[in-house]
Amino acid sequence: MAGDHGQVEQETYDEGRLSERIMLAAAAYGIGSSIGWFRRSGMTDAKAILGIPQERLVRTAISLGYPDEEARRARSKHAQARKSLSDIVHDERYGLHQHHKD
């Protein structure tokens, strides 16, 4: 569990990597996921509910569950689901900006 004040930056990076791997593993088994961070009083409340010592850092929550396939099918489909490549890819250097050609 995170909490060493001298390692906050390293722990944040590792926490993100671990969270990603948990979510990818869940997806491989057909389990949906969502990630969020506790902030302010939410951190304190989570520690109290879970019995975690106050000196430890509690920050990330991952929700896991099976997607509601009927609800997914009921959603309306967008006419164009993806942006064009030229809208999102750019060739850049500091001070210069050029759009990528499709």
PDB file of N, CA and C in Angstrom:
ATOM      1  N   MET A   1       0.840  -1.172   0.000  1.00  0.00           N
ATOM      2  CA  MET A   1       0.000   0.000   0.000  1.00  0.00           C
ATOM      3  C   MET A   1       0.885   1.235   0.000  1.00  0.00           C
ATOM      4  N   ALA A   2       0.481   2.222  -0.719  1.00  0.00           N
ATOM      5  CA  ALA A   2       1.253   3.452  -0.823  1.00  0.00           C
ATOM      6  C   ALA A   2       1.268   4.201   0.501  1.00  0.00           C
ATOM      7  N   GLY A   3       2.219   5.097   0.631  1.00  0.00           N
ATOM      8  CA  GLY A   3       2.217   5.923   1.825  1.00  0.00           C
ATOM      9  C   GLY A   3       3.546   6.488   2.240  1.00  0.00           C
ATOM     10  N   ASP A   4       4.646   6.055   1.637  1.00  0.00           N
ATOM     11  CA  ASP A   4       5.956   6.595   1.985  1.00  0.00           C
ATOM     12  C   ASP A   4       6.073   7.959   1.320  1.00  0.00           C
ATOM     13  N   HIS A   5       6.102   9.021   2.122  1.00  0.00           N
ATOM     14  CA  HIS A   5       6.084  10.381   1.580  1.00  0.00           C
ATOM     15  C   HIS A   5       7.258  10.670   0.645  1.00  0.00           C
ATOM     16  N   GLY A   6       8.377   9.988   0.798  1.00  0.00           N
ATOM     17  CA  GLY A   6       9.521  10.195  -0.075  1.00  0.00           C
ATOM     18  C   GLY A   6       9.395   9.506  -1.428  1.00  0.00           C
ATOM     19  N   GLN A   7       8.367   8.684  -1.587  1.00  0.00           N
ATOM     20  CA  GLN A   7       8.200   7.904  -2.809  1.00  0.00           C
ATOM     21  C   GLN A   7       6.902   8.217  -3.557  1.00  0.00           C
ATOM     22  N   VAL A   8       6.269   9.347  -3.261  1.00  0.00           N
ATOM     23  CA  VAL A   8       4.949   9.641  -3.826  1.00  0.00           C
ATOM     24  C   VAL A   8       4.952   9.621  -5.349  1.00  0.00           C
ATOM     25  N   GLU A   9       5.937  10.244  -5.994  1.00  0.00           N
ATOM     26  CA  GLU A   9       5.962  10.259  -7.456  1.00  0.00           C
ATOM     27  C   GLU A   9       6.132   8.856  -8.019  1.00  0.00           C
ATOM     28  N   GLN A  10       7.064   8.087  -7.475  1.00  0.00           N
ATOM     29  CA  GLN A  10       7.284   6.719  -7.944  1.00  0.00           C
ATOM     30  C   GLN A  10       6.043   5.866  -7.698  1.00  0.00           C
ATOM     31  N   GLU A  11       5.443   6.008  -6.527  1.00  0.00           N
ATOM     32  CA  GLU A  11       4.253   5.226  -6.213  1.00  0.00           C
ATOM     33  C   GLU A  11       3.090   5.581  -7.127  1.00  0.00           C
ATOM     34  N   THR A  12       2.951   6.839  -7.482  1.00  0.00           N
ATOM     35  CA  THR A  12       1.883   7.256  -8.383  1.00  0.00           C
ATOM     36  C   THR A  12       2.038   6.568  -9.729  1.00  0.00           C
ATOM     37  N   TYR A  13       3.252   6.528 -10.250  1.00  0.00           N
ATOM     38  CA  TYR A  13       3.536   5.859 -11.519  1.00  0.00           C
ATOM     39  C   TYR A  13       3.217   4.368 -11.410  1.00  0.00           C
ATOM     40  N   ASP A  14       3.729   3.723 -10.374  1.00  0.00           N
ATOM     41  CA  ASP A  14       3.505   2.286 -10.190  1.00  0.00           C
ATOM     42  C   ASP A  14       2.032   1.976  -9.977  1.00  0.00           C
ATOM     43  N   GLU A  15       1.342   2.836  -9.254  1.00  0.00           N
ATOM     44  CA  GLU A  15      -0.084   2.651  -9.006  1.00  0.00           C
ATOM     45  C   GLU A  15      -0.872   2.690 -10.310  1.00  0.00           C
ATOM     46  N   GLY A  16      -0.508   3.598 -11.190  1.00  0.00           N
ATOM     47  CA  GLY A  16      -1.161   3.680 -12.498  1.00  0.00           C
ATOM     48  C   GLY A  16      -0.911   2.439 -13.332  1.00  0.00           C
ATOM     49  N   ARG A  17       0.327   1.955 -13.315  1.00  0.00           N
ATOM     50  CA  ARG A  17       0.669   0.738 -14.066  1.00  0.00           C
ATOM     51  C   ARG A  17      -0.091  -0.470 -13.521  1.00  0.00           C
ATOM     52  N   LEU A  18      -0.150  -0.593 -12.204  1.00  0.00           N
ATOM     53  CA  LEU A  18      -0.872  -1.702 -11.590  1.00  0.00           C
ATOM     54  C   LEU A  18      -2.360  -1.622 -11.917  1.00  0.00           C
ATOM     55  N   SER A  19      -2.924  -0.436 -11.820  1.00  0.00           N
ATOM     56  CA  SER A  19      -4.348  -0.248 -12.115  1.00  0.00           C
ATOM     57  C   SER A  19      -4.654  -0.652 -13.550  1.00  0.00           C
ATOM     58  N   GLU A  20      -3.799  -0.227 -14.474  1.00  0.00           N
ATOM     59  CA  GLU A  20      -3.980  -0.577 -15.875  1.00  0.00           C
ATOM     60  C   GLU A  20      -3.973  -2.088 -16.063  1.00  0.00           C
ATOM     61  N   ARG A  21      -3.047  -2.761 -15.415  1.00  0.00           N
ATOM     62  CA  ARG A  21      -2.942  -4.220 -15.564  1.00  0.00           C
ATOM     63  C   ARG A  21      -4.157  -4.938 -14.977  1.00  0.00           C
ATOM     64  N   ILE A  22      -4.653  -4.460 -13.856  1.00  0.00           N
ATOM     65  CA  ILE A  22      -5.867  -5.048 -13.270  1.00  0.00           C
ATOM     66  C   ILE A  22      -7.028  -4.888 -14.238  1.00  0.00           C
ATOM     67  N   MET A  23      -7.154  -3.697 -14.814  1.00  0.00           N
ATOM     68  CA  MET A  23      -8.261  -3.428 -15.723  1.00  0.00           C
ATOM     69  C   MET A  23      -8.138  -4.236 -17.021  1.00  0.00           C
ATOM     70  N   LEU A  24      -6.922  -4.407 -17.532  1.00  0.00           N
ATOM     71  CA  LEU A  24      -6.715  -5.226 -18.733  1.00  0.00           C
ATOM     72  C   LEU A  24      -7.008  -6.696 -18.456  1.00  0.00           C
ATOM     73  N   ALA A  25      -6.582  -7.189 -17.298  1.00  0.00           N
ATOM     74  CA  ALA A  25      -6.862  -8.580 -16.938  1.00  0.00           C
ATOM     75  C   ALA A  25      -8.374  -8.790 -16.801  1.00  0.00           C
ATOM     76  N   ALA A  26      -9.061  -7.832 -16.183  1.00  0.00           N
ATOM     77  CA  ALA A  26     -10.510  -7.938 -16.044  1.00  0.00           C
ATOM     78  C   ALA A  26     -11.172  -7.991 -17.418  1.00  0.00           C
ATOM     79  N   ALA A  27     -10.732  -7.124 -18.329  1.00  0.00           N
ATOM     80  CA  ALA A  27     -11.308  -7.089 -19.676  1.00  0.00           C
ATOM     81  C   ALA A  27     -11.116  -8.424 -20.393  1.00  0.00           C
ATOM     82  N   ALA A  28     -10.000  -9.091 -20.152  1.00  0.00           N
ATOM     83  CA  ALA A  28      -9.739 -10.393 -20.780  1.00  0.00           C
ATOM     84  C   ALA A  28     -10.763 -11.433 -20.330  1.00  0.00           C
ATOM     85  N   TYR A  29     -11.373 -11.221 -19.184  1.00  0.00           N
ATOM     86  CA  TYR A  29     -12.397 -12.126 -18.660  1.00  0.00           C
ATOM     87  C   TYR A  29     -13.808 -11.574 -18.845  1.00  0.00           C
ATOM     88  N   GLY A  30     -13.946 -10.520 -19.659  1.00  0.00           N
ATOM     89  CA  GLY A  30     -15.264  -9.952 -19.937  1.00  0.00           C
ATOM     90  C   GLY A  30     -15.816  -9.091 -18.819  1.00  0.00           C
ATOM     91  N   ILE A  31     -14.937  -8.643 -17.944  1.00  0.00           N
ATOM     92  CA  ILE A  31     -15.358  -7.807 -16.816  1.00  0.00           C
ATOM     93  C   ILE A  31     -15.034  -6.349 -17.133  1.00  0.00           C
ATOM     94  N   GLY A  32     -16.011  -5.485 -16.985  1.00  0.00           N
ATOM     95  CA  GLY A  32     -15.812  -4.066 -17.220  1.00  0.00           C
ATOM     96  C   GLY A  32     -15.177  -3.410 -16.009  1.00  0.00           C
ATOM     97  N   SER A  33     -14.571  -2.252 -16.214  1.00  0.00           N
ATOM     98  CA  SER A  33     -13.932  -1.557 -15.102  1.00  0.00           C
ATOM     99  C   SER A  33     -13.978  -0.053 -15.309  1.00  0.00           C
ATOM    100  N   SER A  34     -13.802   0.635 -14.214  1.00  0.00           N
ATOM    101  CA  SER A  34     -13.723   2.089 -14.231  1.00  0.00           C
ATOM    102  C   SER A  34     -12.792   2.495 -13.096  1.00  0.00           C
ATOM    103  N   ILE A  35     -12.015   3.538 -13.314  1.00  0.00           N
ATOM    104  CA  ILE A  35     -11.035   3.961 -12.320  1.00  0.00           C
ATOM    105  C   ILE A  35     -11.373   5.358 -11.822  1.00  0.00           C
ATOM    106  N   GLY A  36     -11.060   5.605 -10.581  1.00  0.00           N
ATOM    107  CA  GLY A  36     -11.269   6.928 -10.004  1.00  0.00           C
ATOM    108  C   GLY A  36     -10.318   7.148  -8.843  1.00  0.00           C
ATOM    109  N   TRP A  37     -10.221   8.385  -8.415  1.00  0.00           N
ATOM    110  CA  TRP A  37      -9.360   8.741  -7.277  1.00  0.00           C
ATOM    111  C   TRP A  37     -10.215   9.272  -6.143  1.00  0.00           C
ATOM    112  N   PHE A  38      -9.852   8.878  -4.928  1.00  0.00           N
ATOM    113  CA  PHE A  38     -10.430   9.507  -3.746  1.00  0.00           C
ATOM    114  C   PHE A  38      -9.739  10.848  -3.571  1.00  0.00           C
ATOM    115  N   ARG A  39     -10.492  11.850  -3.175  1.00  0.00           N
ATOM    116  CA  ARG A  39      -9.917  13.169  -2.915  1.00  0.00           C
ATOM    117  C   ARG A  39     -10.483  13.694  -1.614  1.00  0.00           C
ATOM    118  N   ARG A  40      -9.714  14.537  -0.986  1.00  0.00           N
ATOM    119  CA  ARG A  40     -10.093  15.249   0.237  1.00  0.00           C
ATOM    120  C   ARG A  40     -10.708  14.310   1.264  1.00  0.00           C
ATOM    121  N   SER A  41     -11.944  14.585   1.683  1.00  0.00           N
ATOM    122  CA  SER A  41     -12.563  13.781   2.738  1.00  0.00           C
ATOM    123  C   SER A  41     -12.848  12.353   2.278  1.00  0.00           C
ATOM    124  N   GLY A  42     -12.912  12.124   0.982  1.00  0.00           N
ATOM    125  CA  GLY A  42     -13.125  10.769   0.470  1.00  0.00           C
ATOM    126  C   GLY A  42     -11.992   9.839   0.861  1.00  0.00           C
ATOM    127  N   MET A  43     -10.774  10.364   0.912  1.00  0.00           N
ATOM    128  CA  MET A  43      -9.628   9.560   1.328  1.00  0.00           C
ATOM    129  C   MET A  43      -9.788   9.126   2.782  1.00  0.00           C
ATOM    130  N   THR A  44     -10.152  10.065   3.626  1.00  0.00           N
ATOM    131  CA  THR A  44     -10.341   9.782   5.052  1.00  0.00           C
ATOM    132  C   THR A  44     -11.498   8.805   5.251  1.00  0.00           C
ATOM    133  N   ASP A  45     -12.594   9.020   4.546  1.00  0.00           N
ATOM    134  CA  ASP A  45     -13.758   8.143   4.664  1.00  0.00           C
ATOM    135  C   ASP A  45     -13.424   6.719   4.217  1.00  0.00           C
ATOM    136  N   ALA A  46     -12.698   6.592   3.110  1.00  0.00           N
ATOM    137  CA  ALA A  46     -12.319   5.260   2.612  1.00  0.00           C
ATOM    138  C   ALA A  46     -11.452   4.531   3.630  1.00  0.00           C
ATOM    139  N   LYS A  47     -10.521   5.240   4.238  1.00  0.00           N
ATOM    140  CA  LYS A  47      -9.661   4.626   5.262  1.00  0.00           C
ATOM    141  C   LYS A  47     -10.485   4.124   6.434  1.00  0.00           C
ATOM    142  N   ALA A  48     -11.444   4.927   6.877  1.00  0.00           N
ATOM    143  CA  ALA A  48     -12.288   4.540   8.011  1.00  0.00           C
ATOM    144  C   ALA A  48     -13.130   3.312   7.667  1.00  0.00           C
ATOM    145  N   ILE A  49     -13.732   3.302   6.502  1.00  0.00           N
ATOM    146  CA  ILE A  49     -14.587   2.183   6.082  1.00  0.00           C
ATOM    147  C   ILE A  49     -13.776   0.896   5.938  1.00  0.00           C
ATOM    148  N   LEU A  50     -12.566   1.001   5.382  1.00  0.00           N
ATOM    149  CA  LEU A  50     -11.740  -0.176   5.110  1.00  0.00           C
ATOM    150  C   LEU A  50     -10.780  -0.534   6.238  1.00  0.00           C
ATOM    151  N   GLY A  51     -10.746   0.280   7.290  1.00  0.00           N
ATOM    152  CA  GLY A  51      -9.865  -0.007   8.419  1.00  0.00           C
ATOM    153  C   GLY A  51      -8.394   0.194   8.110  1.00  0.00           C
ATOM    154  N   ILE A  52      -8.096   1.158   7.263  1.00  0.00           N
ATOM    155  CA  ILE A  52      -6.724   1.445   6.854  1.00  0.00           C
ATOM    156  C   ILE A  52      -6.154   2.521   7.778  1.00  0.00           C
ATOM    157  N   PRO A  53      -4.941   2.345   8.284  1.00  0.00           N
ATOM    158  CA  PRO A  53      -4.344   3.362   9.169  1.00  0.00           C
ATOM    159  C   PRO A  53      -4.280   4.729   8.484  1.00  0.00           C
ATOM    160  N   GLN A  54      -4.494   5.773   9.256  1.00  0.00           N
ATOM    161  CA  GLN A  54      -4.535   7.138   8.722  1.00  0.00           C
ATOM    162  C   GLN A  54      -3.227   7.575   8.073  1.00  0.00           C
ATOM    163  N   GLU A  55      -2.083   7.026   8.491  1.00  0.00           N
ATOM    164  CA  GLU A  55      -0.803   7.448   7.908  1.00  0.00           C
ATOM    165  C   GLU A  55      -0.559   6.847   6.518  1.00  0.00           C
ATOM    166  N   ARG A  56      -1.412   5.919   6.088  1.00  0.00           N
ATOM    167  CA  ARG A  56      -1.271   5.316   4.765  1.00  0.00           C
ATOM    168  C   ARG A  56      -2.030   6.132   3.727  1.00  0.00           C
ATOM    169  N   LEU A  57      -1.576   6.070   2.490  1.00  0.00           N
ATOM    170  CA  LEU A  57      -2.205   6.803   1.392  1.00  0.00           C
ATOM    171  C   LEU A  57      -3.220   5.911   0.691  1.00  0.00           C
ATOM    172  N   VAL A  58      -4.440   6.390   0.587  1.00  0.00           N
ATOM    173  CA  VAL A  58      -5.489   5.709  -0.171  1.00  0.00           C
ATOM    174  C   VAL A  58      -5.925   6.697  -1.241  1.00  0.00           C
ATOM    175  N   ARG A  59      -5.810   6.286  -2.481  1.00  0.00           N
ATOM    176  CA  ARG A  59      -6.065   7.238  -3.559  1.00  0.00           C
ATOM    177  C   ARG A  59      -6.903   6.635  -4.675  1.00  0.00           C
ATOM    178  N   THR A  60      -6.570   5.461  -5.156  1.00  0.00           N
ATOM    179  CA  THR A  60      -7.187   4.905  -6.346  1.00  0.00           C
ATOM    180  C   THR A  60      -8.252   3.876  -6.013  1.00  0.00           C
ATOM    181  N   ALA A  61      -9.367   3.940  -6.742  1.00  0.00           N
ATOM    182  CA  ALA A  61     -10.428   2.940  -6.634  1.00  0.00           C
ATOM    183  C   ALA A  61     -10.720   2.416  -8.028  1.00  0.00           C
ATOM    184  N   ILE A  62     -10.837   1.118  -8.147  1.00  0.00           N
ATOM    185  CA  ILE A  62     -11.206   0.494  -9.414  1.00  0.00           C
ATOM    186  C   ILE A  62     -12.526  -0.233  -9.191  1.00  0.00           C
ATOM    187  N   SER A  63     -13.529   0.133  -9.960  1.00  0.00           N
ATOM    188  CA  SER A  63     -14.827  -0.549  -9.912  1.00  0.00           C
ATOM    189  C   SER A  63     -14.812  -1.635 -10.973  1.00  0.00           C
ATOM    190  N   LEU A  64     -15.247  -2.812 -10.602  1.00  0.00           N
ATOM    191  CA  LEU A  64     -15.281  -3.951 -11.525  1.00  0.00           C
ATOM    192  C   LEU A  64     -16.688  -4.517 -11.574  1.00  0.00           C
ATOM    193  N   GLY A  65     -17.113  -4.957 -12.742  1.00  0.00           N
ATOM    194  CA  GLY A  65     -18.432  -5.576 -12.862  1.00  0.00           C
ATOM    195  C   GLY A  65     -18.683  -6.033 -14.277  1.00  0.00           C
ATOM    196  N   TYR A  66     -19.718  -6.825 -14.432  1.00  0.00           N
ATOM    197  CA  TYR A  66     -20.077  -7.305 -15.758  1.00  0.00           C
ATOM    198  C   TYR A  66     -20.940  -6.269 -16.457  1.00  0.00           C
ATOM    199  N   PRO A  67     -20.586  -5.893 -17.687  1.00  0.00           N
ATOM    200  CA  PRO A  67     -21.364  -4.883 -18.421  1.00  0.00           C
ATOM    201  C   PRO A  67     -22.793  -5.367 -18.691  1.00  0.00           C
ATOM    202  N   ASP A  68     -23.720  -4.440 -18.682  1.00  0.00           N
ATOM    203  CA  ASP A  68     -25.105  -4.723 -19.015  1.00  0.00           C
ATOM    204  C   ASP A  68     -25.225  -4.682 -20.541  1.00  0.00           C
ATOM    205  N   GLU A  69     -25.189  -5.849 -21.161  1.00  0.00           N
ATOM    206  CA  GLU A  69     -25.175  -5.923 -22.636  1.00  0.00           C
ATOM    207  C   GLU A  69     -26.457  -5.354 -23.240  1.00  0.00           C
ATOM    208  N   GLU A  70     -27.586  -5.541 -22.599  1.00  0.00           N
ATOM    209  CA  GLU A  70     -28.838  -5.002 -23.117  1.00  0.00           C
ATOM    210  C   GLU A  70     -28.784  -3.468 -23.149  1.00  0.00           C
ATOM    211  N   ALA A  71     -28.229  -2.865 -22.109  1.00  0.00           N
ATOM    212  CA  ALA A  71     -28.101  -1.401 -22.068  1.00  0.00           C
ATOM    213  C   ALA A  71     -27.128  -0.925 -23.137  1.00  0.00           C
ATOM    214  N   ARG A  72     -26.058  -1.667 -23.363  1.00  0.00           N
ATOM    215  CA  ARG A  72     -25.099  -1.288 -24.416  1.00  0.00           C
ATOM    216  C   ARG A  72     -25.753  -1.304 -25.788  1.00  0.00           C
ATOM    217  N   ARG A  73     -26.549  -2.336 -26.060  1.00  0.00           N
ATOM    218  CA  ARG A  73     -27.209  -2.444 -27.366  1.00  0.00           C
ATOM    219  C   ARG A  73     -28.242  -1.342 -27.552  1.00  0.00           C
ATOM    220  N   ALA A  74     -28.855  -0.876 -26.470  1.00  0.00           N
ATOM    221  CA  ALA A  74     -29.905   0.149 -26.551  1.00  0.00           C
ATOM    222  C   ALA A  74     -29.354   1.542 -26.825  1.00  0.00           C
ATOM    223  N   ARG A  75     -28.069   1.760 -26.602  1.00  0.00           N
ATOM    224  CA  ARG A  75     -27.474   3.084 -26.862  1.00  0.00           C
ATOM    225  C   ARG A  75     -27.514   3.410 -28.346  1.00  0.00           C
ATOM    226  N   SER A  76     -27.768   4.684 -28.634  1.00  0.00           N
ATOM    227  CA  SER A  76     -27.757   5.095 -30.035  1.00  0.00           C
ATOM    228  C   SER A  76     -26.315   5.108 -30.546  1.00  0.00           C
ATOM    229  N   LYS A  77     -26.164   4.781 -31.802  1.00  0.00           N
ATOM    230  CA  LYS A  77     -24.844   4.739 -32.429  1.00  0.00           C
ATOM    231  C   LYS A  77     -24.558   6.093 -33.080  1.00  0.00           C
ATOM    232  N   HIS A  78     -23.333   6.555 -32.945  1.00  0.00           N
ATOM    233  CA  HIS A  78     -22.932   7.812 -33.573  1.00  0.00           C
ATOM    234  C   HIS A  78     -22.680   7.564 -35.057  1.00  0.00           C
ATOM    235  N   ALA A  79     -23.007   8.553 -35.887  1.00  0.00           N
ATOM    236  CA  ALA A  79     -22.807   8.423 -37.331  1.00  0.00           C
ATOM    237  C   ALA A  79     -21.338   8.187 -37.651  1.00  0.00           C
ATOM    238  N   GLN A  80     -20.450   8.946 -37.019  1.00  0.00           N
ATOM    239  CA  GLN A  80     -19.021   8.756 -37.217  1.00  0.00           C
ATOM    240  C   GLN A  80     -18.408   8.498 -35.837  1.00  0.00           C
ATOM    241  N   ALA A  81     -18.062   7.249 -35.584  1.00  0.00           N
ATOM    242  CA  ALA A  81     -17.599   6.862 -34.262  1.00  0.00           C
ATOM    243  C   ALA A  81     -16.197   7.361 -33.956  1.00  0.00           C
ATOM    244  N   ARG A  82     -15.393   7.610 -34.970  1.00  0.00           N
ATOM    245  CA  ARG A  82     -14.011   8.018 -34.731  1.00  0.00           C
ATOM    246  C   ARG A  82     -13.704   9.335 -35.437  1.00  0.00           C
ATOM    247  N   LYS A  83     -12.823  10.100 -34.825  1.00  0.00           N
ATOM    248  CA  LYS A  83     -12.326  11.312 -35.473  1.00  0.00           C
ATOM    249  C   LYS A  83     -11.380  10.907 -36.595  1.00  0.00           C
ATOM    250  N   SER A  84     -11.235  11.788 -37.573  1.00  0.00           N
ATOM    251  CA  SER A  84     -10.292  11.503 -38.642  1.00  0.00           C
ATOM    252  C   SER A  84      -8.868  11.600 -38.092  1.00  0.00           C
ATOM    253  N   LEU A  85      -7.954  10.894 -38.731  1.00  0.00           N
ATOM    254  CA  LEU A  85      -6.567  10.874 -38.288  1.00  0.00           C
ATOM    255  C   LEU A  85      -5.978  12.284 -38.254  1.00  0.00           C
ATOM    256  N   SER A  86      -6.331  13.124 -39.213  1.00  0.00           N
ATOM    257  CA  SER A  86      -5.780  14.477 -39.257  1.00  0.00           C
ATOM    258  C   SER A  86      -6.266  15.348 -38.093  1.00  0.00           C
ATOM    259  N   ASP A  87      -7.370  14.961 -37.445  1.00  0.00           N
ATOM    260  CA  ASP A  87      -7.864  15.705 -36.278  1.00  0.00           C
ATOM    261  C   ASP A  87      -7.082  15.392 -35.010  1.00  0.00           C
ATOM    262  N   ILE A  88      -6.422  14.236 -34.971  1.00  0.00           N
ATOM    263  CA  ILE A  88      -5.781  13.831 -33.724  1.00  0.00           C
ATOM    264  C   ILE A  88      -4.280  13.597 -33.805  1.00  0.00           C
ATOM    265  N   VAL A  89      -3.721  13.486 -35.010  1.00  0.00           N
ATOM    266  CA  VAL A  89      -2.289  13.235 -35.157  1.00  0.00           C
ATOM    267  C   VAL A  89      -1.626  14.478 -35.731  1.00  0.00           C
ATOM    268  N   HIS A  90      -0.565  14.906 -35.082  1.00  0.00           N
ATOM    269  CA  HIS A  90       0.160  16.098 -35.519  1.00  0.00           C
ATOM    270  C   HIS A  90       1.654  15.818 -35.507  1.00  0.00           C
ATOM    271  N   ASP A  91       2.354  16.366 -36.471  1.00  0.00           N
ATOM    272  CA  ASP A  91       3.818  16.343 -36.469  1.00  0.00           C
ATOM    273  C   ASP A  91       4.245  17.647 -35.819  1.00  0.00           C
ATOM    274  N   GLU A  92       4.925  17.555 -34.695  1.00  0.00           N
ATOM    275  CA  GLU A  92       5.243  18.773 -33.965  1.00  0.00           C
ATOM    276  C   GLU A  92       6.693  18.815 -33.523  1.00  0.00           C
ATOM    277  N   ARG A  93       7.201  20.012 -33.421  1.00  0.00           N
ATOM    278  CA  ARG A  93       8.469  20.320 -32.786  1.00  0.00           C
ATOM    279  C   ARG A  93       8.216  21.567 -31.973  1.00  0.00           C
ATOM    280  N   TYR A  94       9.016  21.822 -31.013  1.00  0.00           N
ATOM    281  CA  TYR A  94       8.817  22.990 -30.178  1.00  0.00           C
ATOM    282  C   TYR A  94       8.739  24.234 -31.054  1.00  0.00           C
ATOM    283  N   GLY A  95       7.638  24.959 -30.946  1.00  0.00           N
ATOM    284  CA  GLY A  95       7.448  26.199 -31.701  1.00  0.00           C
ATOM    285  C   GLY A  95       6.866  25.997 -33.089  1.00  0.00           C
ATOM    286  N   LEU A  96       6.758  24.765 -33.560  1.00  0.00           N
ATOM    287  CA  LEU A  96       6.200  24.484 -34.889  1.00  0.00           C
ATOM    288  C   LEU A  96       5.032  23.532 -34.747  1.00  0.00           C
ATOM    289  N   HIS A  97       4.062  23.650 -35.634  1.00  0.00           N
ATOM    290  CA  HIS A  97       2.893  22.766 -35.581  1.00  0.00           C
ATOM    291  C   HIS A  97       2.439  22.516 -37.020  1.00  0.00           C
ATOM    292  N   GLN A  98       2.358  21.268 -37.403  1.00  0.00           N
ATOM    293  CA  GLN A  98       1.875  20.906 -38.729  1.00  0.00           C
ATOM    294  C   GLN A  98       0.878  19.769 -38.592  1.00  0.00           C
ATOM    295  N   HIS A  99      -0.240  19.843 -39.318  1.00  0.00           N
ATOM    296  CA  HIS A  99      -1.217  18.746 -39.315  1.00  0.00           C
ATOM    297  C   HIS A  99      -0.686  17.579 -40.133  1.00  0.00           C
ATOM    298  N   HIS A 100      -0.954  16.376 -39.645  1.00  0.00           N
ATOM    299  CA  HIS A 100      -0.588  15.151 -40.357  1.00  0.00           C
ATOM    300  C   HIS A 100      -1.542  14.960 -41.529  1.00  0.00           C
ATOM    301  N   LYS A 101      -1.047  14.559 -42.649  1.00  0.00           N
ATOM    302  CA  LYS A 101      -1.879  14.299 -43.833  1.00  0.00           C
ATOM    303  C   LYS A 101      -2.383  12.861 -43.782  1.00  0.00           C
ATOM    304  N   ASP A 102      -3.680  12.660 -43.961  1.00  0.00           N
ATOM    305  CA  ASP A 102      -4.273  11.294 -43.976  1.00  0.00           C
ATOM    306  C   ASP A 102      -3.715  10.486 -45.115  1.00  0.00           C
TER     307      ASP A 102
END
